[in-house]
Full PDB file with SEQRES, HELIX, SHEET, SSBOND, CRYST1, ORIGX, SCALE, CONECT and MASTER records, all heavy atoms in Angstrom:
SEQRES   1 A   35  ASN ILE ARG PRO SER GLU ARG ARG LYS GLY TYR GLY LYS          
SEQRES   2 A   35  LEU ILE CYS ARG LEU GLY ILE LEU GLU ALA ARG LYS LEU          
SEQRES   3 A   35  GLY ILE GLY ASP ILE LEU ILE THR CYS                          
HELIX    1 AA1 PRO A    4  GLU A    6  5                                   3    
HELIX    2 AA2 TYR A   11  LYS A   25  1                                  15    
CRYST1    1.000    1.000    1.000  90.00  90.00  90.00 P 1           1          
ORIGX1      1.000000  0.000000  0.000000        0.00000                         
ORIGX2      0.000000  1.000000  0.000000        0.00000                         
ORIGX3      0.000000  0.000000  1.000000        0.00000                         
SCALE1      1.000000  0.000000  0.000000        0.00000                         
SCALE2      0.000000  1.000000  0.000000        0.00000                         
SCALE3      0.000000  0.000000  1.000000        0.00000                         
ATOM      1  N   ASN A   1      10.216   1.388  -8.443  1.00  0.00           N  
ATOM      2  CA  ASN A   1       9.889   0.796  -9.741  1.00  0.00           C  
ATOM      3  C   ASN A   1      10.305   1.769 -10.829  1.00  0.00           C  
ATOM      4  O   ASN A   1      10.084   2.977 -10.697  1.00  0.00           O  
ATOM      5  CB  ASN A   1       8.368   0.601  -9.890  1.00  0.00           C  
ATOM      6  CG  ASN A   1       7.802  -0.370  -8.911  1.00  0.00           C  
ATOM      7  OD1 ASN A   1       8.109  -1.554  -8.984  1.00  0.00           O  
ATOM      8  ND2 ASN A   1       6.974   0.109  -7.988  1.00  0.00           N  
ATOM      9  N   ILE A   2      10.853   1.240 -11.884  1.00  0.00           N  
ATOM     10  CA  ILE A   2      11.116   2.024 -13.092  1.00  0.00           C  
ATOM     11  C   ILE A   2      10.279   1.405 -14.204  1.00  0.00           C  
ATOM     12  O   ILE A   2      10.269   0.181 -14.380  1.00  0.00           O  
ATOM     13  CB  ILE A   2      12.621   2.006 -13.472  1.00  0.00           C  
ATOM     14  CG1 ILE A   2      13.474   2.609 -12.355  1.00  0.00           C  
ATOM     15  CG2 ILE A   2      12.849   2.724 -14.798  1.00  0.00           C  
ATOM     16  CD1 ILE A   2      13.212   4.076 -12.065  1.00  0.00           C  
ATOM     17  N   ARG A   3       9.579   2.242 -14.941  1.00  0.00           N  
ATOM     18  CA  ARG A   3       8.721   1.697 -16.004  1.00  0.00           C  
ATOM     19  C   ARG A   3       9.589   0.935 -17.005  1.00  0.00           C  
ATOM     20  O   ARG A   3      10.742   1.318 -17.281  1.00  0.00           O  
ATOM     21  CB  ARG A   3       7.877   2.787 -16.639  1.00  0.00           C  
ATOM     22  CG  ARG A   3       8.631   3.753 -17.513  1.00  0.00           C  
ATOM     23  CD  ARG A   3       7.789   4.914 -17.982  1.00  0.00           C  
ATOM     24  NE  ARG A   3       6.781   4.536 -18.948  1.00  0.00           N  
ATOM     25  CZ  ARG A   3       5.842   5.358 -19.401  1.00  0.00           C  
ATOM     26  NH1 ARG A   3       5.782   6.606 -18.975  1.00  0.00           N  
ATOM     27  NH2 ARG A   3       4.972   4.947 -20.283  1.00  0.00           N  
ATOM     28  N   PRO A   4       9.073  -0.167 -17.538  1.00  0.00           N  
ATOM     29  CA  PRO A   4       9.891  -1.039 -18.402  1.00  0.00           C  
ATOM     30  C   PRO A   4      10.605  -0.333 -19.550  1.00  0.00           C  
ATOM     31  O   PRO A   4      11.776  -0.619 -19.823  1.00  0.00           O  
ATOM     32  CB  PRO A   4       8.873  -2.068 -18.904  1.00  0.00           C  
ATOM     33  CG  PRO A   4       7.892  -2.174 -17.775  1.00  0.00           C  
ATOM     34  CD  PRO A   4       7.763  -0.760 -17.258  1.00  0.00           C  
ATOM     35  N   SER A   5       9.964   0.617 -20.209  1.00  0.00           N  
ATOM     36  CA  SER A   5      10.591   1.287 -21.357  1.00  0.00           C  
ATOM     37  C   SER A   5      11.723   2.225 -20.955  1.00  0.00           C  
ATOM     38  O   SER A   5      12.456   2.702 -21.821  1.00  0.00           O  
ATOM     39  CB  SER A   5       9.536   2.059 -22.155  1.00  0.00           C  
ATOM     40  OG  SER A   5       8.958   3.077 -21.355  1.00  0.00           O  
ATOM     41  N   GLU A   6      11.901   2.475 -19.656  1.00  0.00           N  
ATOM     42  CA  GLU A   6      12.933   3.409 -19.194  1.00  0.00           C  
ATOM     43  C   GLU A   6      14.042   2.724 -18.395  1.00  0.00           C  
ATOM     44  O   GLU A   6      14.892   3.404 -17.818  1.00  0.00           O  
ATOM     45  CB  GLU A   6      12.301   4.521 -18.356  1.00  0.00           C  
ATOM     46  CG  GLU A   6      11.316   5.379 -19.126  1.00  0.00           C  
ATOM     47  CD  GLU A   6      11.961   6.188 -20.250  1.00  0.00           C  
ATOM     48  OE1 GLU A   6      13.189   6.380 -20.239  1.00  0.00           O  
ATOM     49  OE2 GLU A   6      11.213   6.627 -21.144  1.00  0.00           O  
ATOM     50  N   ARG A   7      14.042   1.410 -18.375  1.00  0.00           N  
ATOM     51  CA  ARG A   7      15.057   0.684 -17.611  1.00  0.00           C  
ATOM     52  C   ARG A   7      16.398   0.683 -18.346  1.00  0.00           C  
ATOM     53  O   ARG A   7      16.467   0.919 -19.547  1.00  0.00           O  
ATOM     54  CB  ARG A   7      14.588  -0.753 -17.366  1.00  0.00           C  
ATOM     55  CG  ARG A   7      13.414  -0.794 -16.407  1.00  0.00           C  
ATOM     56  CD  ARG A   7      12.955  -2.199 -16.145  1.00  0.00           C  
ATOM     57  NE  ARG A   7      11.743  -2.165 -15.323  1.00  0.00           N  
ATOM     58  CZ  ARG A   7      10.804  -3.081 -15.371  1.00  0.00           C  
ATOM     59  NH1 ARG A   7      10.932  -4.128 -16.166  1.00  0.00           N  
ATOM     60  NH2 ARG A   7       9.746  -2.976 -14.604  1.00  0.00           N  
ATOM     61  N   ARG A   8      17.447   0.438 -17.578  1.00  0.00           N  
ATOM     62  CA  ARG A   8      18.823   0.368 -18.089  1.00  0.00           C  
ATOM     63  C   ARG A   8      19.321   1.717 -18.613  1.00  0.00           C  
ATOM     64  O   ARG A   8      20.114   1.777 -19.545  1.00  0.00           O  
ATOM     65  CB  ARG A   8      18.976  -0.727 -19.137  1.00  0.00           C  
ATOM     66  CG  ARG A   8      18.711  -2.101 -18.568  1.00  0.00           C  
ATOM     67  CD  ARG A   8      18.855  -3.170 -19.629  1.00  0.00           C  
ATOM     68  NE  ARG A   8      18.504  -4.441 -19.044  1.00  0.00           N  
ATOM     69  CZ  ARG A   8      19.365  -5.417 -18.807  1.00  0.00           C  
ATOM     70  NH1 ARG A   8      20.619  -5.279 -19.142  1.00  0.00           N  
ATOM     71  NH2 ARG A   8      18.961  -6.545 -18.261  1.00  0.00           N  
ATOM     72  N   LYS A   9      18.818   2.771 -17.997  1.00  0.00           N  
ATOM     73  CA  LYS A   9      19.232   4.130 -18.367  1.00  0.00           C  
ATOM     74  C   LYS A   9      19.778   4.881 -17.158  1.00  0.00           C  
ATOM     75  O   LYS A   9      20.011   6.083 -17.244  1.00  0.00           O  
ATOM     76  CB  LYS A   9      18.049   4.888 -18.963  1.00  0.00           C  
ATOM     77  CG  LYS A   9      17.517   4.280 -20.249  1.00  0.00           C  
ATOM     78  CD  LYS A   9      16.327   5.057 -20.776  1.00  0.00           C  
ATOM     79  CE  LYS A   9      15.777   4.412 -22.040  1.00  0.00           C  
ATOM     80  NZ  LYS A   9      14.599   5.154 -22.540  1.00  0.00           N  
ATOM     81  N   GLY A  10      19.939   4.199 -16.026  1.00  0.00           N  
ATOM     82  CA  GLY A  10      20.459   4.840 -14.822  1.00  0.00           C  
ATOM     83  C   GLY A  10      19.394   5.365 -13.880  1.00  0.00           C  
ATOM     84  O   GLY A  10      19.719   5.892 -12.806  1.00  0.00           O  
ATOM     85  N   TYR A  11      18.124   5.223 -14.231  1.00  0.00           N  
ATOM     86  CA  TYR A  11      17.065   5.759 -13.386  1.00  0.00           C  
ATOM     87  C   TYR A  11      16.885   4.962 -12.093  1.00  0.00           C  
ATOM     88  O   TYR A  11      16.484   5.527 -11.077  1.00  0.00           O  
ATOM     89  CB  TYR A  11      15.740   5.832 -14.140  1.00  0.00           C  
ATOM     90  CG  TYR A  11      15.753   6.832 -15.268  1.00  0.00           C  
ATOM     91  CD1 TYR A  11      15.504   6.441 -16.578  1.00  0.00           C  
ATOM     92  CD2 TYR A  11      16.027   8.177 -15.026  1.00  0.00           C  
ATOM     93  CE1 TYR A  11      15.514   7.355 -17.615  1.00  0.00           C  
ATOM     94  CE2 TYR A  11      16.043   9.100 -16.060  1.00  0.00           C  
ATOM     95  CZ  TYR A  11      15.783   8.678 -17.351  1.00  0.00           C  
ATOM     96  OH  TYR A  11      15.798   9.591 -18.378  1.00  0.00           O  
ATOM     97  N   GLY A  12      17.151   3.671 -12.117  1.00  0.00           N  
ATOM     98  CA  GLY A  12      17.040   2.877 -10.900  1.00  0.00           C  
ATOM     99  C   GLY A  12      17.995   3.370  -9.832  1.00  0.00           C  
ATOM    100  O   GLY A  12      17.613   3.571  -8.669  1.00  0.00           O  
ATOM    101  N   LYS A  13      19.229   3.566 -10.210  1.00  0.00           N  
ATOM    102  CA  LYS A  13      20.231   4.070  -9.268  1.00  0.00           C  
ATOM    103  C   LYS A  13      19.834   5.449  -8.742  1.00  0.00           C  
ATOM    104  O   LYS A  13      19.934   5.729  -7.544  1.00  0.00           O  
ATOM    105  CB  LYS A  13      21.601   4.131  -9.957  1.00  0.00           C  
ATOM    106  CG  LYS A  13      22.731   4.543  -9.049  1.00  0.00           C  
ATOM    107  CD  LYS A  13      24.054   4.494  -9.800  1.00  0.00           C  
ATOM    108  CE  LYS A  13      25.195   5.025  -8.959  1.00  0.00           C  
ATOM    109  NZ  LYS A  13      26.455   5.040  -9.703  1.00  0.00           N  
ATOM    110  N   LEU A  14      19.336   6.301  -9.638  1.00  0.00           N  
ATOM    111  CA  LEU A  14      18.925   7.648  -9.254  1.00  0.00           C  
ATOM    112  C   LEU A  14      17.740   7.610  -8.300  1.00  0.00           C  
ATOM    113  O   LEU A  14      17.758   8.271  -7.254  1.00  0.00           O  
ATOM    114  CB  LEU A  14      18.581   8.468 -10.502  1.00  0.00           C  
ATOM    115  CG  LEU A  14      18.023   9.870 -10.243  1.00  0.00           C  
ATOM    116  CD1 LEU A  14      19.045  10.741  -9.520  1.00  0.00           C  
ATOM    117  CD2 LEU A  14      17.586  10.505 -11.560  1.00  0.00           C  
ATOM    118  N   ILE A  15      16.705   6.850  -8.616  1.00  0.00           N  
ATOM    119  CA  ILE A  15      15.509   6.861  -7.778  1.00  0.00           C  
ATOM    120  C   ILE A  15      15.795   6.261  -6.407  1.00  0.00           C  
ATOM    121  O   ILE A  15      15.258   6.722  -5.397  1.00  0.00           O  
ATOM    122  CB  ILE A  15      14.312   6.173  -8.470  1.00  0.00           C  
ATOM    123  CG1 ILE A  15      12.997   6.651  -7.839  1.00  0.00           C  
ATOM    124  CG2 ILE A  15      14.428   4.660  -8.423  1.00  0.00           C  
ATOM    125  CD1 ILE A  15      11.771   6.272  -8.634  1.00  0.00           C  
ATOM    126  N   CYS A  16      16.664   5.285  -6.346  1.00  0.00           N  
ATOM    127  CA  CYS A  16      17.051   4.711  -5.050  1.00  0.00           C  
ATOM    128  C   CYS A  16      17.786   5.767  -4.221  1.00  0.00           C  
ATOM    129  O   CYS A  16      17.478   5.963  -3.036  1.00  0.00           O  
ATOM    130  CB  CYS A  16      17.902   3.470  -5.260  1.00  0.00           C  
ATOM    131  SG  CYS A  16      18.322   2.602  -3.734  1.00  0.00           S  
ATOM    132  N   ARG A  17      18.720   6.465  -4.829  1.00  0.00           N  
ATOM    133  CA  ARG A  17      19.472   7.509  -4.118  1.00  0.00           C  
ATOM    134  C   ARG A  17      18.534   8.601  -3.613  1.00  0.00           C  
ATOM    135  O   ARG A  17      18.619   9.042  -2.459  1.00  0.00           O  
ATOM    136  CB  ARG A  17      20.549   8.121  -5.022  1.00  0.00           C  
ATOM    137  CG  ARG A  17      21.363   9.216  -4.320  1.00  0.00           C  
ATOM    138  CD  ARG A  17      22.535   9.715  -5.156  1.00  0.00           C  
ATOM    139  NE  ARG A  17      22.201  10.153  -6.484  1.00  0.00           N  
ATOM    140  CZ  ARG A  17      21.702  11.360  -6.790  1.00  0.00           C  
ATOM    141  NH1 ARG A  17      21.485  12.245  -5.833  1.00  0.00           N  
ATOM    142  NH2 ARG A  17      21.438  11.683  -8.036  1.00  0.00           N  
ATOM    143  N   LEU A  18      17.602   9.028  -4.459  1.00  0.00           N  
ATOM    144  CA  LEU A  18      16.655  10.068  -4.054  1.00  0.00           C  
ATOM    145  C   LEU A  18      15.713   9.566  -2.955  1.00  0.00           C  
ATOM    146  O   LEU A  18      15.346  10.323  -2.054  1.00  0.00           O  
ATOM    147  CB  LEU A  18      15.874  10.572  -5.264  1.00  0.00           C  
ATOM    148  CG  LEU A  18      16.705  11.297  -6.329  1.00  0.00           C  
ATOM    149  CD1 LEU A  18      15.864  11.600  -7.565  1.00  0.00           C  
ATOM    150  CD2 LEU A  18      17.352  12.552  -5.771  1.00  0.00           C  
ATOM    151  N   GLY A  19      15.337   8.298  -3.023  1.00  0.00           N  
ATOM    152  CA  GLY A  19      14.519   7.709  -1.970  1.00  0.00           C  
ATOM    153  C   GLY A  19      15.254   7.685  -0.636  1.00  0.00           C  
ATOM    154  O   GLY A  19      14.664   7.947   0.423  1.00  0.00           O  
ATOM    155  N   ILE A  20      16.541   7.387  -0.677  1.00  0.00           N  
ATOM    156  CA  ILE A  20      17.363   7.400   0.541  1.00  0.00           C  
ATOM    157  C   ILE A  20      17.391   8.808   1.134  1.00  0.00           C  
ATOM    158  O   ILE A  20      17.252   8.994   2.346  1.00  0.00           O  
ATOM    159  CB  ILE A  20      18.785   6.883   0.243  1.00  0.00           C  
ATOM    160  CG1 ILE A  20      18.746   5.389  -0.086  1.00  0.00           C  
ATOM    161  CG2 ILE A  20      19.737   7.168   1.411  1.00  0.00           C  
ATOM    162  CD1 ILE A  20      20.011   4.858  -0.744  1.00  0.00           C  
ATOM    163  N   LEU A  21      17.538   9.808   0.275  1.00  0.00           N  
ATOM    164  CA  LEU A  21      17.536  11.200   0.758  1.00  0.00           C  
ATOM    165  C   LEU A  21      16.203  11.551   1.412  1.00  0.00           C  
ATOM    166  O   LEU A  21      16.173  12.226   2.451  1.00  0.00           O  
ATOM    167  CB  LEU A  21      17.838  12.163  -0.385  1.00  0.00           C  
ATOM    168  CG  LEU A  21      19.253  12.090  -0.972  1.00  0.00           C  
ATOM    169  CD1 LEU A  21      19.375  13.000  -2.193  1.00  0.00           C  
ATOM    170  CD2 LEU A  21      20.287  12.458   0.078  1.00  0.00           C  
ATOM    171  N   GLU A  22      15.099  11.100   0.834  1.00  0.00           N  
ATOM    172  CA  GLU A  22      13.790  11.369   1.433  1.00  0.00           C  
ATOM    173  C   GLU A  22      13.651  10.646   2.773  1.00  0.00           C  
ATOM    174  O   GLU A  22      13.084  11.191   3.723  1.00  0.00           O  
ATOM    175  CB  GLU A  22      12.659  10.960   0.478  1.00  0.00           C  
ATOM    176  CG  GLU A  22      12.555  11.823  -0.759  1.00  0.00           C  
ATOM    177  CD  GLU A  22      12.264  13.285  -0.476  1.00  0.00           C  
ATOM    178  OE1 GLU A  22      11.594  13.596   0.541  1.00  0.00           O  
ATOM    179  OE2 GLU A  22      12.701  14.141  -1.270  1.00  0.00           O  
ATOM    180  N   ALA A  23      14.175   9.427   2.866  1.00  0.00           N  
ATOM    181  CA  ALA A  23      14.134   8.692   4.139  1.00  0.00           C  
ATOM    182  C   ALA A  23      14.932   9.434   5.202  1.00  0.00           C  
ATOM    183  O   ALA A  23      14.507   9.523   6.369  1.00  0.00           O  
ATOM    184  CB  ALA A  23      14.671   7.274   3.947  1.00  0.00           C  
ATOM    185  N   ARG A  24      16.060   9.982   4.822  1.00  0.00           N  
ATOM    186  CA  ARG A  24      16.872  10.750   5.772  1.00  0.00           C  
ATOM    187  C   ARG A  24      16.120  11.986   6.261  1.00  0.00           C  
ATOM    188  O   ARG A  24      16.194  12.341   7.433  1.00  0.00           O  
ATOM    189  CB  ARG A  24      18.206  11.150   5.140  1.00  0.00           C  
ATOM    190  CG  ARG A  24      19.109   9.983   4.780  1.00  0.00           C  
ATOM    191  CD  ARG A  24      19.662   9.300   6.003  1.00  0.00           C  
ATOM    192  NE  ARG A  24      20.644   8.299   5.610  1.00  0.00           N  
ATOM    193  CZ  ARG A  24      20.660   7.074   6.084  1.00  0.00           C  
ATOM    194  NH1 ARG A  24      19.755   6.674   6.953  1.00  0.00           N  
ATOM    195  NH2 ARG A  24      21.583   6.224   5.692  1.00  0.00           N  
ATOM    196  N   LYS A  25      15.380  12.647   5.360  1.00  0.00           N  
ATOM    197  CA  LYS A  25      14.585  13.811   5.755  1.00  0.00           C  
ATOM    198  C   LYS A  25      13.541  13.435   6.807  1.00  0.00           C  
ATOM    199  O   LYS A  25      13.164  14.269   7.630  1.00  0.00           O  
ATOM    200  CB  LYS A  25      13.884  14.430   4.542  1.00  0.00           C  
ATOM    201  CG  LYS A  25      14.798  15.134   3.580  1.00  0.00           C  
ATOM    202  CD  LYS A  25      13.990  15.655   2.402  1.00  0.00           C  
ATOM    203  CE  LYS A  25      14.867  16.172   1.291  1.00  0.00           C  
ATOM    204  NZ  LYS A  25      14.056  16.571   0.112  1.00  0.00           N  
ATOM    205  N   LEU A  26      13.072  12.200   6.751  1.00  0.00           N  
ATOM    206  CA  LEU A  26      12.088  11.720   7.727  1.00  0.00           C  
ATOM    207  C   LEU A  26      12.740  11.276   9.030  1.00  0.00           C  
ATOM    208  O   LEU A  26      12.053  10.880   9.961  1.00  0.00           O  
ATOM    209  CB  LEU A  26      11.293  10.549   7.141  1.00  0.00           C  
ATOM    210  CG  LEU A  26      10.318  10.894   6.032  1.00  0.00           C  
ATOM    211  CD1 LEU A  26       9.812   9.631   5.342  1.00  0.00           C  
ATOM    212  CD2 LEU A  26       9.155  11.707   6.590  1.00  0.00           C  
ATOM    213  N   GLY A  27      14.072  11.321   9.078  1.00  0.00           N  
ATOM    214  CA  GLY A  27      14.777  10.931  10.293  1.00  0.00           C  
ATOM    215  C   GLY A  27      15.056   9.449  10.408  1.00  0.00           C  
ATOM    216  O   GLY A  27      15.404   8.965  11.487  1.00  0.00           O  
ATOM    217  N   ILE A  28      14.925   8.728   9.320  1.00  0.00           N  
ATOM    218  CA  ILE A  28      15.208   7.289   9.349  1.00  0.00           C  
ATOM    219  C   ILE A  28      16.715   7.105   9.358  1.00  0.00           C  
ATOM    220  O   ILE A  28      17.412   7.608   8.472  1.00  0.00           O  
ATOM    221  CB  ILE A  28      14.554   6.565   8.154  1.00  0.00           C  
ATOM    222  CG1 ILE A  28      13.029   6.756   8.211  1.00  0.00           C  
ATOM    223  CG2 ILE A  28      14.923   5.090   8.155  1.00  0.00           C  
ATOM    224  CD1 ILE A  28      12.303   6.274   6.977  1.00  0.00           C  
ATOM    225  N   GLY A  29      17.231   6.403  10.340  1.00  0.00           N  
ATOM    226  CA  GLY A  29      18.672   6.168  10.473  1.00  0.00           C  
ATOM    227  C   GLY A  29      19.127   5.053   9.541  1.00  0.00           C  
ATOM    228  O   GLY A  29      19.474   5.284   8.383  1.00  0.00           O  
ATOM    229  N   ASP A  30      19.133   3.846  10.046  1.00  0.00           N  
ATOM    230  CA  ASP A  30      19.511   2.697   9.220  1.00  0.00           C  
ATOM    231  C   ASP A  30      18.331   2.340   8.314  1.00  0.00           C  
ATOM    232  O   ASP A  30      17.187   2.221   8.774  1.00  0.00           O  
ATOM    233  CB  ASP A  30      19.881   1.507  10.094  1.00  0.00           C  
ATOM    234  CG  ASP A  30      21.141   1.754  10.918  1.00  0.00           C  
ATOM    235  OD1 ASP A  30      21.901   2.696  10.588  1.00  0.00           O  
ATOM    236  OD2 ASP A  30      21.363   1.009  11.884  1.00  0.00           O  
ATOM    237  N   ILE A  31      18.612   2.184   7.025  1.00  0.00           N  
ATOM    238  CA  ILE A  31      17.570   1.969   6.022  1.00  0.00           C  
ATOM    239  C   ILE A  31      17.697   0.559   5.458  1.00  0.00           C  
ATOM    240  O   ILE A  31      18.753   0.173   4.959  1.00  0.00           O  
ATOM    241  CB  ILE A  31      17.703   3.005   4.883  1.00  0.00           C  
ATOM    242  CG1 ILE A  31      17.528   4.419   5.435  1.00  0.00           C  
ATOM    243  CG2 ILE A  31      16.708   2.707   3.766  1.00  0.00           C  
ATOM    244  CD1 ILE A  31      17.882   5.509   4.439  1.00  0.00           C  
ATOM    245  N   LEU A  32      16.606  -0.191   5.529  1.00  0.00           N  
ATOM    246  CA  LEU A  32      16.551  -1.537   4.958  1.00  0.00           C  
ATOM    247  C   LEU A  32      15.963  -1.470   3.555  1.00  0.00           C  
ATOM    248  O   LEU A  32      14.924  -0.837   3.341  1.00  0.00           O  
ATOM    249  CB  LEU A  32      15.679  -2.449   5.833  1.00  0.00           C  
ATOM    250  CG  LEU A  32      15.442  -3.865   5.314  1.00  0.00           C  
ATOM    251  CD1 LEU A  32      16.750  -4.667   5.275  1.00  0.00           C  
ATOM    252  CD2 LEU A  32      14.398  -4.574   6.167  1.00  0.00           C  
ATOM    253  N   ILE A  33      16.637  -2.108   2.607  1.00  0.00           N  
ATOM    254  CA  ILE A  33      16.133  -2.249   1.240  1.00  0.00           C  
ATOM    255  C   ILE A  33      16.280  -3.716   0.861  1.00  0.00           C  
ATOM    256  O   ILE A  33      17.324  -4.322   1.102  1.00  0.00           O  
ATOM    257  CB  ILE A  33      16.901  -1.371   0.228  1.00  0.00           C  
ATOM    258  CG1 ILE A  33      16.899   0.098   0.661  1.00  0.00           C  
ATOM    259  CG2 ILE A  33      16.281  -1.502  -1.160  1.00  0.00           C  
ATOM    260  CD1 ILE A  33      17.675   1.017  -0.259  1.00  0.00           C  
ATOM    261  N   THR A  34      15.241  -4.280   0.271  1.00  0.00           N  
ATOM    262  CA  THR A  34      15.284  -5.687  -0.120  1.00  0.00           C  
ATOM    263  C   THR A  34      15.057  -5.829  -1.621  1.00  0.00           C  
ATOM    264  O   THR A  34      14.543  -4.921  -2.280  1.00  0.00           O  
ATOM    265  CB  THR A  34      14.212  -6.517   0.625  1.00  0.00           C  
ATOM    266  OG1 THR A  34      12.913  -6.185   0.113  1.00  0.00           O  
ATOM    267  CG2 THR A  34      14.261  -6.292   2.125  1.00  0.00           C  
ATOM    268  N   CYS A  35      15.434  -6.996  -2.130  1.00  0.00           N  
ATOM    269  CA  CYS A  35      15.115  -7.337  -3.518  1.00  0.00           C  
ATOM    270  C   CYS A  35      15.103  -8.854  -3.650  1.00  0.00           C  
ATOM    271  O   CYS A  35      15.628  -9.570  -2.795  1.00  0.00           O  
ATOM    272  CB  CYS A  35      16.103  -6.708  -4.497  1.00  0.00           C  
ATOM    273  SG  CYS A  35      17.791  -7.367  -4.444  1.00  0.00           S  
TER     274      CYS A  35                                                      
MASTER        0    0    0    2    0    0    0    6  273    1    0    3          
END                                                                             
C-alpha cells in the first residue's frame, strides 16, 4: 500500500521491488503477486 498523498511518485514500484528482495531473503522462490 502507498498512502494516497504519496501515490504516482514511483513509490509503488520501489516498495514492490523491496518486498521482492525481502521475499528472496526468506528463501521464497517463485513469488505470486495479485491485484
